[in-house]
Protein backbone atom coordinates (compact mmCIF):
# COMPACT_ATOMS: atom_id res chain seq x y z
CA MET A 1 -0.85 9.73 19.17
CA LYS A 2 0.87 6.45 19.82
CA LYS A 3 0.37 5.62 16.16
CA GLN A 4 -1.13 7.15 13.10
CA PRO A 5 -4.92 7.41 13.44
CA ARG A 6 -6.05 3.86 12.79
CA ASN A 7 -9.14 4.22 10.61
CA ILE A 8 -9.03 0.47 10.50
CA VAL A 9 -12.77 0.16 10.11
CA LEU A 10 -13.64 -1.27 6.70
CA ALA A 11 -10.18 -1.03 5.25
CA VAL A 12 -7.72 -2.46 7.68
CA LEU A 13 -6.90 -6.15 7.81
CA CYS A 14 -7.05 -5.64 4.10
CA GLY A 15 -8.49 -8.56 2.43
CA ALA A 16 -7.95 -11.42 4.78
CA MET A 17 -6.18 -11.74 8.06
CA ALA A 18 -6.89 -15.43 8.01
CA VAL A 19 -5.39 -16.62 11.22
CA SER A 20 -6.46 -20.21 10.59
CA ALA A 21 -9.72 -21.97 10.03
CA CYS A 22 -9.76 -23.30 13.56
CA SER A 23 -8.71 -20.13 15.37
CA CYS A 24 -12.17 -18.65 15.60
CA ALA A 25 -13.44 -21.71 17.40
CA MET A 26 -10.60 -21.72 19.90
CA SER A 27 -10.86 -20.49 23.44
CA GLN A 28 -9.31 -17.14 24.31
CA THR A 29 -5.52 -17.14 23.89
CA TYR A 30 -2.92 -14.75 25.23
CA PRO A 31 0.02 -14.89 22.82
CA VAL A 32 2.02 -12.12 24.53
CA THR A 33 2.57 -11.08 28.14
CA VAL A 34 4.25 -7.73 28.84
CA ASP A 35 5.31 -6.71 32.34
CA GLY A 36 2.94 -9.31 33.73
CA GLU A 37 -0.03 -8.13 31.65
CA GLN A 38 -1.50 -10.75 29.34
CA LEU A 39 -2.63 -9.42 25.97
CA ARG A 40 -5.52 -11.07 24.19
CA ALA A 41 -5.00 -12.54 20.75
CA GLY A 42 -7.21 -9.77 19.32
CA ILE A 43 -4.87 -7.10 20.67
CA TYR A 44 -1.87 -8.93 19.23
CA ILE A 45 -3.55 -9.23 15.81
CA LEU A 46 -4.33 -5.50 15.79
CA GLU A 47 -0.74 -4.69 16.74
CA GLN A 48 0.45 -7.11 14.07
CA GLN A 49 -1.66 -5.29 11.49
CA GLU A 50 -0.18 -2.01 12.63
CA ALA A 51 3.26 -3.56 12.17
CA LEU A 52 2.32 -4.60 8.62
CA ASN A 53 1.29 -1.04 7.81
CA SER A 54 4.59 0.22 9.19
CA ALA A 55 6.52 -2.35 7.17
CA ILE A 56 4.80 -1.30 3.96
CA SER A 57 5.55 2.37 4.67
CA LYS A 58 9.17 1.59 5.45
CA LEU A 59 9.49 -0.48 2.29
CA ARG A 60 8.17 2.43 0.22
CA GLU A 61 10.72 4.72 1.81
CA GLU A 62 13.55 2.32 1.01
CA GLN A 63 12.33 1.47 -2.48
CA PRO A 64 10.17 4.35 -3.77
CA ASP A 65 10.13 2.95 -7.33
CA LEU A 66 8.98 -0.52 -6.28
CA ASP A 67 5.84 -1.54 -8.19
CA THR A 68 3.74 -3.27 -5.54
CA SER A 69 0.80 -3.54 -7.95
CA ALA A 70 2.71 -5.73 -10.40
CA GLU A 71 1.23 -9.16 -11.07
CA GLY A 72 2.65 -11.72 -8.68
CA PHE A 73 4.19 -9.16 -6.35
CA ASP A 74 4.79 -10.60 -2.89
CA TYR A 75 5.65 -8.35 0.03
CA PHE A 76 7.11 -11.30 1.86
CA LYS A 77 9.85 -11.68 -0.72
CA GLN A 78 11.09 -8.21 0.21
CA THR A 79 13.44 -7.08 2.96
CA VAL A 80 13.05 -4.13 5.33
CA GLU A 81 16.06 -2.65 7.08
CA GLY A 82 18.04 -5.74 6.15
CA LYS A 83 15.51 -8.16 7.63
CA SER A 84 12.97 -10.39 5.97
CA PHE A 85 9.56 -8.77 5.67
CA ALA A 86 8.02 -11.32 8.04
CA ASP A 87 10.75 -11.00 10.66
CA TRP A 88 10.47 -7.23 10.62
CA ILE A 89 6.70 -7.43 11.20
CA ASN A 90 7.07 -9.95 14.01
CA GLU A 91 9.61 -7.77 15.81
CA LYS A 92 7.55 -4.63 15.28
CA ALA A 93 4.38 -6.31 16.52
CA LEU A 94 6.10 -7.22 19.80
CA GLU A 95 7.46 -3.68 20.09
CA ASN A 96 3.91 -2.40 19.58
CA CYS A 97 2.68 -4.71 22.34
CA ARG A 98 5.29 -3.24 24.66
CA GLY A 99 4.03 0.20 23.67
CA TYR A 100 0.45 -0.78 24.40
CA VAL A 101 1.36 -1.66 27.98
CA ALA A 102 3.70 1.33 28.32
CA THR A 103 0.81 3.62 27.41
CA GLU A 104 -1.36 2.04 30.10
CA ARG A 105 1.38 2.32 32.72
CA LEU A 106 2.36 5.94 31.94
CA PHE A 107 -1.28 6.98 31.78
CA ASP A 108 -1.87 5.62 35.28
CA GLN A 109 1.44 6.87 36.68
CA ASN A 110 0.53 10.41 35.69
CA GLY A 111 -2.81 10.14 37.46
CA LEU A 112 -4.87 10.49 34.29
CA THR A 113 -8.39 9.29 33.64
CA LEU A 114 -10.62 9.35 30.59
CA THR A 115 -13.78 11.35 30.99
CA ALA A 116 -17.11 9.57 31.16
CA ASP A 117 -18.05 11.27 27.88
CA LYS A 118 -14.95 9.95 26.13
CA LEU A 119 -15.51 6.41 27.40
CA SER A 120 -19.15 6.61 26.37
CA GLU A 121 -18.13 7.81 22.91
CA VAL A 122 -15.61 5.00 22.41
CA ASN A 123 -18.06 2.39 23.67
CA ALA A 124 -20.81 3.67 21.40
CA ASN A 125 -18.53 3.63 18.36
CA VAL A 126 -17.45 0.05 18.98
CA LYS A 127 -21.00 -1.08 19.74
CA SER A 128 -22.04 0.42 16.42
CA LEU A 129 -19.43 -1.65 14.60
CA TRP A 130 -20.74 -4.82 16.21
CA ASN A 131 -24.47 -4.06 15.98
CA ASP A 132 -25.26 -1.75 13.05
CA GLU A 133 -25.70 -3.08 9.55
CA ASN A 134 -23.20 -1.69 7.07
CA GLN A 135 -23.74 -1.75 3.30
CA TYR A 136 -20.03 -1.43 2.61
CA ALA A 137 -19.32 -4.53 4.70
CA GLN A 138 -22.13 -6.38 2.97
CA TYR A 139 -20.84 -5.52 -0.48
CA TYR A 140 -17.12 -6.12 0.05
CA TYR A 141 -16.96 -8.69 2.84
CA GLY A 142 -20.26 -10.53 2.74
CA VAL A 143 -21.14 -9.74 6.36
CA SER A 144 -23.92 -7.58 7.72
CA VAL A 145 -21.92 -5.80 10.40
CA ILE A 146 -18.24 -4.91 10.65
CA GLY A 147 -17.94 -6.73 13.95
CA ASP A 148 -18.63 -10.05 12.22
CA TYR A 149 -15.70 -9.35 9.91
CA TYR A 150 -13.31 -8.84 12.82
CA GLU A 151 -14.67 -11.79 14.76
CA LYS A 152 -14.00 -13.92 11.72
CA TYR A 153 -10.29 -13.19 12.08
CA GLY A 154 -10.01 -13.54 15.82
CA ILE A 155 -10.63 -9.96 16.96
CA GLY A 156 -13.43 -9.84 19.50
CA GLU A 157 -15.47 -6.83 20.54
CA GLN A 158 -13.73 -6.55 23.91
CA SER A 159 -10.27 -6.62 22.32
CA PHE A 160 -11.29 -3.97 19.84
CA LEU A 161 -12.77 -1.85 22.62
CA ASP A 162 -9.65 -2.19 24.76
CA TYR A 163 -7.50 -1.19 21.81
CA GLU A 164 -9.57 1.92 21.10
CA ILE A 165 -9.52 2.91 24.78
CA ASN A 166 -5.74 2.52 24.73
CA GLU A 167 -5.59 4.82 21.73
CA SER A 168 -7.66 7.41 23.60
CA LYS A 169 -5.34 7.12 26.58
CA SER A 170 -2.38 7.66 24.27
CA SER A 171 -3.88 10.89 22.96
CA ALA A 172 -4.72 12.10 26.46
CA LEU A 173 -1.21 11.26 27.69
CA PHE A 174 0.36 13.18 24.82
CA THR A 175 -1.78 16.23 25.55
CA PHE A 176 -0.90 16.05 29.26
CA LEU A 177 2.83 15.86 28.60
CA TYR A 178 3.26 17.85 25.41
CA GLY A 179 0.19 20.03 25.11
CA GLU A 180 0.09 23.66 26.20
CA GLY A 181 1.45 23.86 29.75
CA GLY A 182 2.71 20.28 29.67
CA SER A 183 5.98 19.40 31.37
CA LYS A 184 7.53 18.40 28.04
CA ALA A 185 5.74 20.91 25.80
CA ALA A 186 7.48 22.70 22.95
CA THR A 187 8.88 26.09 23.94
CA GLN A 188 7.49 29.31 22.52
CA GLU A 189 10.76 29.79 20.66
CA GLU A 190 10.35 26.40 18.96
CA ILE A 191 6.75 27.19 18.06
CA ASN A 192 7.61 30.64 16.67
CA ALA A 193 10.45 29.16 14.62
CA SER A 194 8.05 26.68 13.03
CA LEU A 195 5.39 29.33 12.42
CA SER A 196 7.92 31.56 10.68
CA SER A 197 9.59 28.90 8.58
CA ASP A 198 6.74 26.53 7.77
CA TYR A 199 3.63 28.71 7.51
CA LEU A 200 2.29 31.82 5.79
CA ALA A 201 -0.33 34.31 6.96
CA LEU A 202 -1.98 35.93 3.96
CA ASN A 203 -4.90 37.93 2.75
CA TYR A 204 -5.36 37.07 -0.91
CA PHE A 205 -7.91 36.59 -3.62
CA PRO A 206 -7.74 35.31 -7.21
CA TYR A 207 -8.31 38.12 -9.70
CA GLU A 208 -10.82 37.05 -12.38
CA LEU A 209 -12.32 40.27 -13.74
CA GLU A 210 -12.28 40.53 -17.54
CA ASN A 211 -13.05 44.25 -17.53
CA GLY A 212 -12.91 47.12 -15.07
CA ALA A 213 -10.40 47.70 -12.28
CA THR A 214 -7.08 45.93 -12.66
CA ALA A 215 -5.48 43.58 -10.15
CA GLN A 216 -2.77 46.17 -9.54
CA SER A 217 -5.33 48.83 -8.73
CA PHE A 218 -6.77 46.63 -5.97
CA ALA A 219 -3.27 45.91 -4.69
CA ASP A 220 -2.42 49.63 -4.69
CA ARG A 221 -5.49 50.43 -2.59
CA ILE A 222 -4.45 47.86 0.06
CA ALA A 223 -0.85 49.08 -0.01
CA GLY A 224 -2.14 52.63 0.35
CA GLY A 225 -3.75 51.84 3.69
CA GLU A 226 -7.31 50.76 2.85
CA GLU A 227 -8.60 47.82 4.85
CA TYR A 228 -8.24 44.56 2.97
CA GLU A 229 -11.84 43.61 3.74
CA GLU A 230 -13.17 46.77 2.08
CA VAL A 231 -11.07 46.27 -1.03
CA TYR A 232 -12.01 42.61 -1.24
CA ARG A 233 -15.69 43.47 -0.84
CA ASP A 234 -15.44 45.90 -3.75
CA TYR A 235 -13.77 43.23 -5.85
CA ALA A 236 -16.46 40.69 -4.94
CA GLN A 237 -19.15 43.21 -5.84
CA ALA A 238 -17.51 43.80 -9.21
CA ILE A 239 -17.43 40.05 -9.86
CA ALA A 240 -21.08 39.73 -8.81
CA ASP A 241 -22.11 42.65 -11.01
CA ALA A 242 -20.32 41.13 -13.98
CA GLU A 243 -22.05 37.79 -13.41
CA ALA A 244 -25.43 39.47 -13.04
CA ALA A 245 -24.96 41.38 -16.28
CA ALA A 246 -23.87 38.22 -18.10
CA ASN A 247 -26.88 36.30 -16.78
CA ALA A 248 -29.29 39.05 -17.78
CA ALA A 249 -27.80 39.22 -21.26
CA ALA A 250 -28.01 35.45 -21.62
CA ALA A 251 -31.64 35.46 -20.52
CA GLU A 252 -32.50 38.18 -23.00
CA THR A 253 -30.80 36.32 -25.82
CA ALA A 254 -32.58 33.09 -24.92
CA ASP A 255 -35.98 34.83 -24.92
CA SER A 256 -35.24 36.42 -28.27
CA GLU A 257 -34.23 33.14 -29.86
CA GLU A 258 -37.23 31.31 -28.43
CA SER A 259 -39.83 33.81 -29.61
CA GLY A 260 -38.09 35.07 -32.70
CA GLU A 261 -39.00 38.55 -31.54
CA ILE A 262 -37.65 41.23 -29.24
CA ALA A 263 -36.76 39.79 -25.82
CA ASN A 264 -39.49 39.37 -23.28
CA THR A 265 -38.75 42.30 -20.99
CA ASP A 266 -40.42 40.78 -17.93
CA SER A 267 -38.40 37.60 -18.26
CA ALA A 268 -35.12 39.47 -18.69
CA GLU A 269 -35.92 41.64 -15.67
CA ALA A 270 -36.69 38.53 -13.62
CA GLU A 271 -33.36 37.02 -14.58
CA ALA A 272 -31.57 40.23 -13.68
CA ALA A 273 -33.33 40.35 -10.31
CA ALA A 274 -32.30 36.77 -9.59
CA SER A 275 -28.74 37.64 -10.55
CA ALA A 276 -28.81 40.66 -8.29
CA GLU A 277 -29.92 38.46 -5.41
CA THR A 278 -27.07 36.09 -6.20
CA ALA A 279 -24.69 39.04 -6.30
CA ALA A 280 -25.75 40.11 -2.81
CA THR A 281 -25.05 36.59 -1.56
CA VAL A 282 -21.63 36.58 -3.19
CA VAL A 283 -20.71 39.88 -1.56
CA GLU A 284 -21.85 38.64 1.85
CA LYS A 285 -19.84 35.47 1.40
CA ALA A 286 -16.85 37.45 0.21
CA GLU A 287 -16.86 39.44 3.42
CA LYS A 288 -16.81 36.27 5.49
CA ASP A 289 -14.19 34.64 3.30
CA SER A 290 -11.90 37.64 3.58
CA LEU A 291 -10.59 36.43 6.92
CA ILE A 292 -6.84 35.89 7.19
CA GLN A 293 -5.67 32.57 5.83
CA ILE A 294 -2.98 30.54 7.60
CA MET A 295 -1.29 28.26 5.08
CA LYS A 296 1.29 25.54 5.46
CA LYS A 297 3.97 26.08 2.84
CA SER A 298 4.51 22.39 2.14
CA ASN A 299 0.89 22.02 1.02
CA ASN A 300 1.77 24.14 -2.04
CA ALA A 301 -1.72 25.58 -2.30
CA PRO A 302 -2.96 27.10 -4.47
CA SER A 303 0.29 26.24 -6.29
CA GLU A 304 3.98 25.71 -5.59
CA GLU A 305 4.91 28.85 -7.52
CA PHE A 306 2.36 30.91 -5.59
CA VAL A 307 3.84 29.73 -2.27
CA LYS A 308 7.35 30.46 -3.51
CA GLN A 309 6.51 34.05 -4.47
CA ALA A 310 4.44 34.69 -1.34
CA SER A 311 7.22 33.33 0.89
CA ALA A 312 9.68 35.79 -0.66
CA MET A 313 7.50 38.77 0.32
CA ASN A 314 8.18 40.79 3.46
CA ASN A 315 5.55 41.17 6.17
CA GLY A 316 3.19 43.98 5.20
CA ASP A 317 3.99 43.76 1.48
CA VAL A 318 1.17 43.76 -1.07
CA LYS A 319 1.82 42.23 -4.45
CA VAL A 320 0.14 40.95 -7.59
CA ILE A 321 1.30 37.37 -8.08
CA THR A 322 1.00 35.81 -11.52
CA VAL A 323 1.37 32.06 -11.96
CA ASP A 324 1.48 30.20 -15.27
CA SER A 325 0.05 26.70 -15.38
CA ASP A 326 -1.23 24.16 -17.88
CA SER A 327 -4.72 25.55 -17.41
CA GLY A 328 -3.60 29.12 -18.11
CA THR A 329 -2.33 32.16 -16.25
CA LYS A 330 -3.74 32.82 -12.80
CA THR A 331 -3.48 36.16 -11.04
CA TYR A 332 -3.74 36.85 -7.31
CA VAL A 333 -3.79 39.98 -5.17
CA VAL A 334 -1.76 39.11 -2.07
CA GLN A 335 -1.05 40.82 1.25
CA LYS A 336 1.50 39.11 3.52
CA LEU A 337 0.98 39.45 7.27
CA ASP A 338 3.17 38.96 10.34
CA ILE A 339 2.13 35.50 11.46
CA LEU A 340 3.69 35.90 14.90
CA SER A 341 1.35 38.78 15.69
CA LEU A 342 -1.79 36.70 15.00
CA THR A 343 -2.04 34.90 18.32
CA GLU A 344 -5.78 34.21 18.20
CA LYS A 345 -5.82 33.29 14.53
CA THR A 346 -2.99 30.78 14.86
CA LYS A 347 -4.27 28.88 17.92
CA ASP A 348 -5.24 25.78 15.95
CA THR A 349 -2.02 25.96 13.95
CA VAL A 350 0.03 26.16 17.14
CA ASP A 351 -1.73 23.06 18.46
CA THR A 352 -0.76 21.29 15.23
CA ILE A 353 2.83 22.48 15.61
CA ARG A 354 2.99 21.20 19.18
CA THR A 355 2.01 17.78 17.87
CA GLU A 356 4.40 17.87 14.92
CA LEU A 357 7.35 18.96 17.05
CA LYS A 358 6.86 16.38 19.78
CA THR A 359 5.31 13.30 18.16
CA ASP A 360 8.65 11.59 17.58
CA GLU A 361 9.75 12.36 21.14
CA PHE A 362 6.52 10.88 22.49
CA ARG A 363 6.91 7.76 20.41
CA GLU A 364 10.45 7.35 21.70
CA LEU A 365 9.18 7.74 25.26
CA ILE A 366 6.64 4.96 24.71
CA LYS A 367 9.22 2.79 22.97
CA SER A 368 11.92 3.21 25.60
CA THR A 369 9.46 2.68 28.45
CA GLY A 370 8.14 -0.51 26.85
CA ALA A 371 11.65 -1.75 26.08
CA ALA A 372 12.38 -1.97 29.80
CA TYR A 373 9.51 -4.41 30.42
CA THR A 374 9.82 -8.16 30.40
CA LEU A 375 8.04 -9.83 27.49
CA THR A 376 7.16 -13.49 27.04
CA THR A 377 5.20 -15.33 24.37
CA ASP A 378 3.43 -18.66 24.40
CA SER A 379 2.98 -21.22 21.66
CA SER A 380 -0.33 -19.70 20.51
CA ILE A 381 1.61 -16.88 18.87
CA ASN A 382 2.50 -19.33 16.09
CA LEU A 383 -1.15 -19.30 15.01
CA TYR A 384 -0.84 -15.70 13.88
CA LYS A 385 1.47 -15.69 10.88
CA PRO A 386 2.22 -12.30 9.30
CA GLU A 387 2.01 -13.90 5.84
CA THR A 388 -1.76 -14.24 6.26
CA LEU A 389 -2.21 -10.46 6.54
CA THR A 390 -1.98 -9.76 2.82
CA LYS A 391 -3.68 -12.80 1.33
């Protein structure tokens, strides 16, 4: 929660965080001390990498048309927020170090602990990186295990472990403060406002029948009071029947062409039986898939136009939505539901909303807490140049 999920395994430190040829042979250094807590070089390098990622994101925001893939492109010839790329990274890395310590302090001050299971999980994941052979690492980096790759650039197993534990503490701290029942949690009014403005609750299915009942006839049945699940099941059965008939006809034609005679009746019947079995599976699946769907509007799925038309519907409305696209016209039978009435169904969505509403506030808490700490650096920090992060 302190940062974006790292996923730094395999991909981070992209290419070569070459600190210097001699750095790996050096004794442990502590480039930064925050509020009296010395941070290992490995922690600083990880925070420096995080700062690089932030700088790249910020640069893309400021210059969305910048072609970073152009031959000869150099990030370090760019500026971010009026500062040189390197200076911005250096400042952000130190801010991140403050945040690292702030997370530790706030976690302890609130009387929190990580469960034994969580610590065991984190330890096992890190141990795996340092002990288990990895084909991806072998192919791209020429090392057998990921841990060797990090060690090569000055990040030891203990530093990596401490960093991952700090990340777990950050998540636990956020949940304690901003999760359901937390002292700083989003109010129900804030959550309802987000549910209503940012999400849709729908029952819908794409209409793909070439013959038989029309999309409007299915919509009329739902609007007339029939349960959506029953109508959807009938539609799924119609689709399955059509597929079974098509498969049987195809099998009969294939037998006829192969033998040059009238179709082999046994073979055609076998194909039809197999299709009928498939149809039964489709209907069963259709019943399970007919559950209410909670959709985030900004995802624009299944299409932007679909979301636009569905958003304009009133709760309880049933409508046939038609959307034109490059691949042709798509038709949907849609029932819009009152999302605020679906307490059980929206539990996971509400958890997501709590995070979305309060992530910036949490980051500011970490930042402001860390800003109040004293911070000193020693000469070893000069070994870790941000320019080496992209070479």
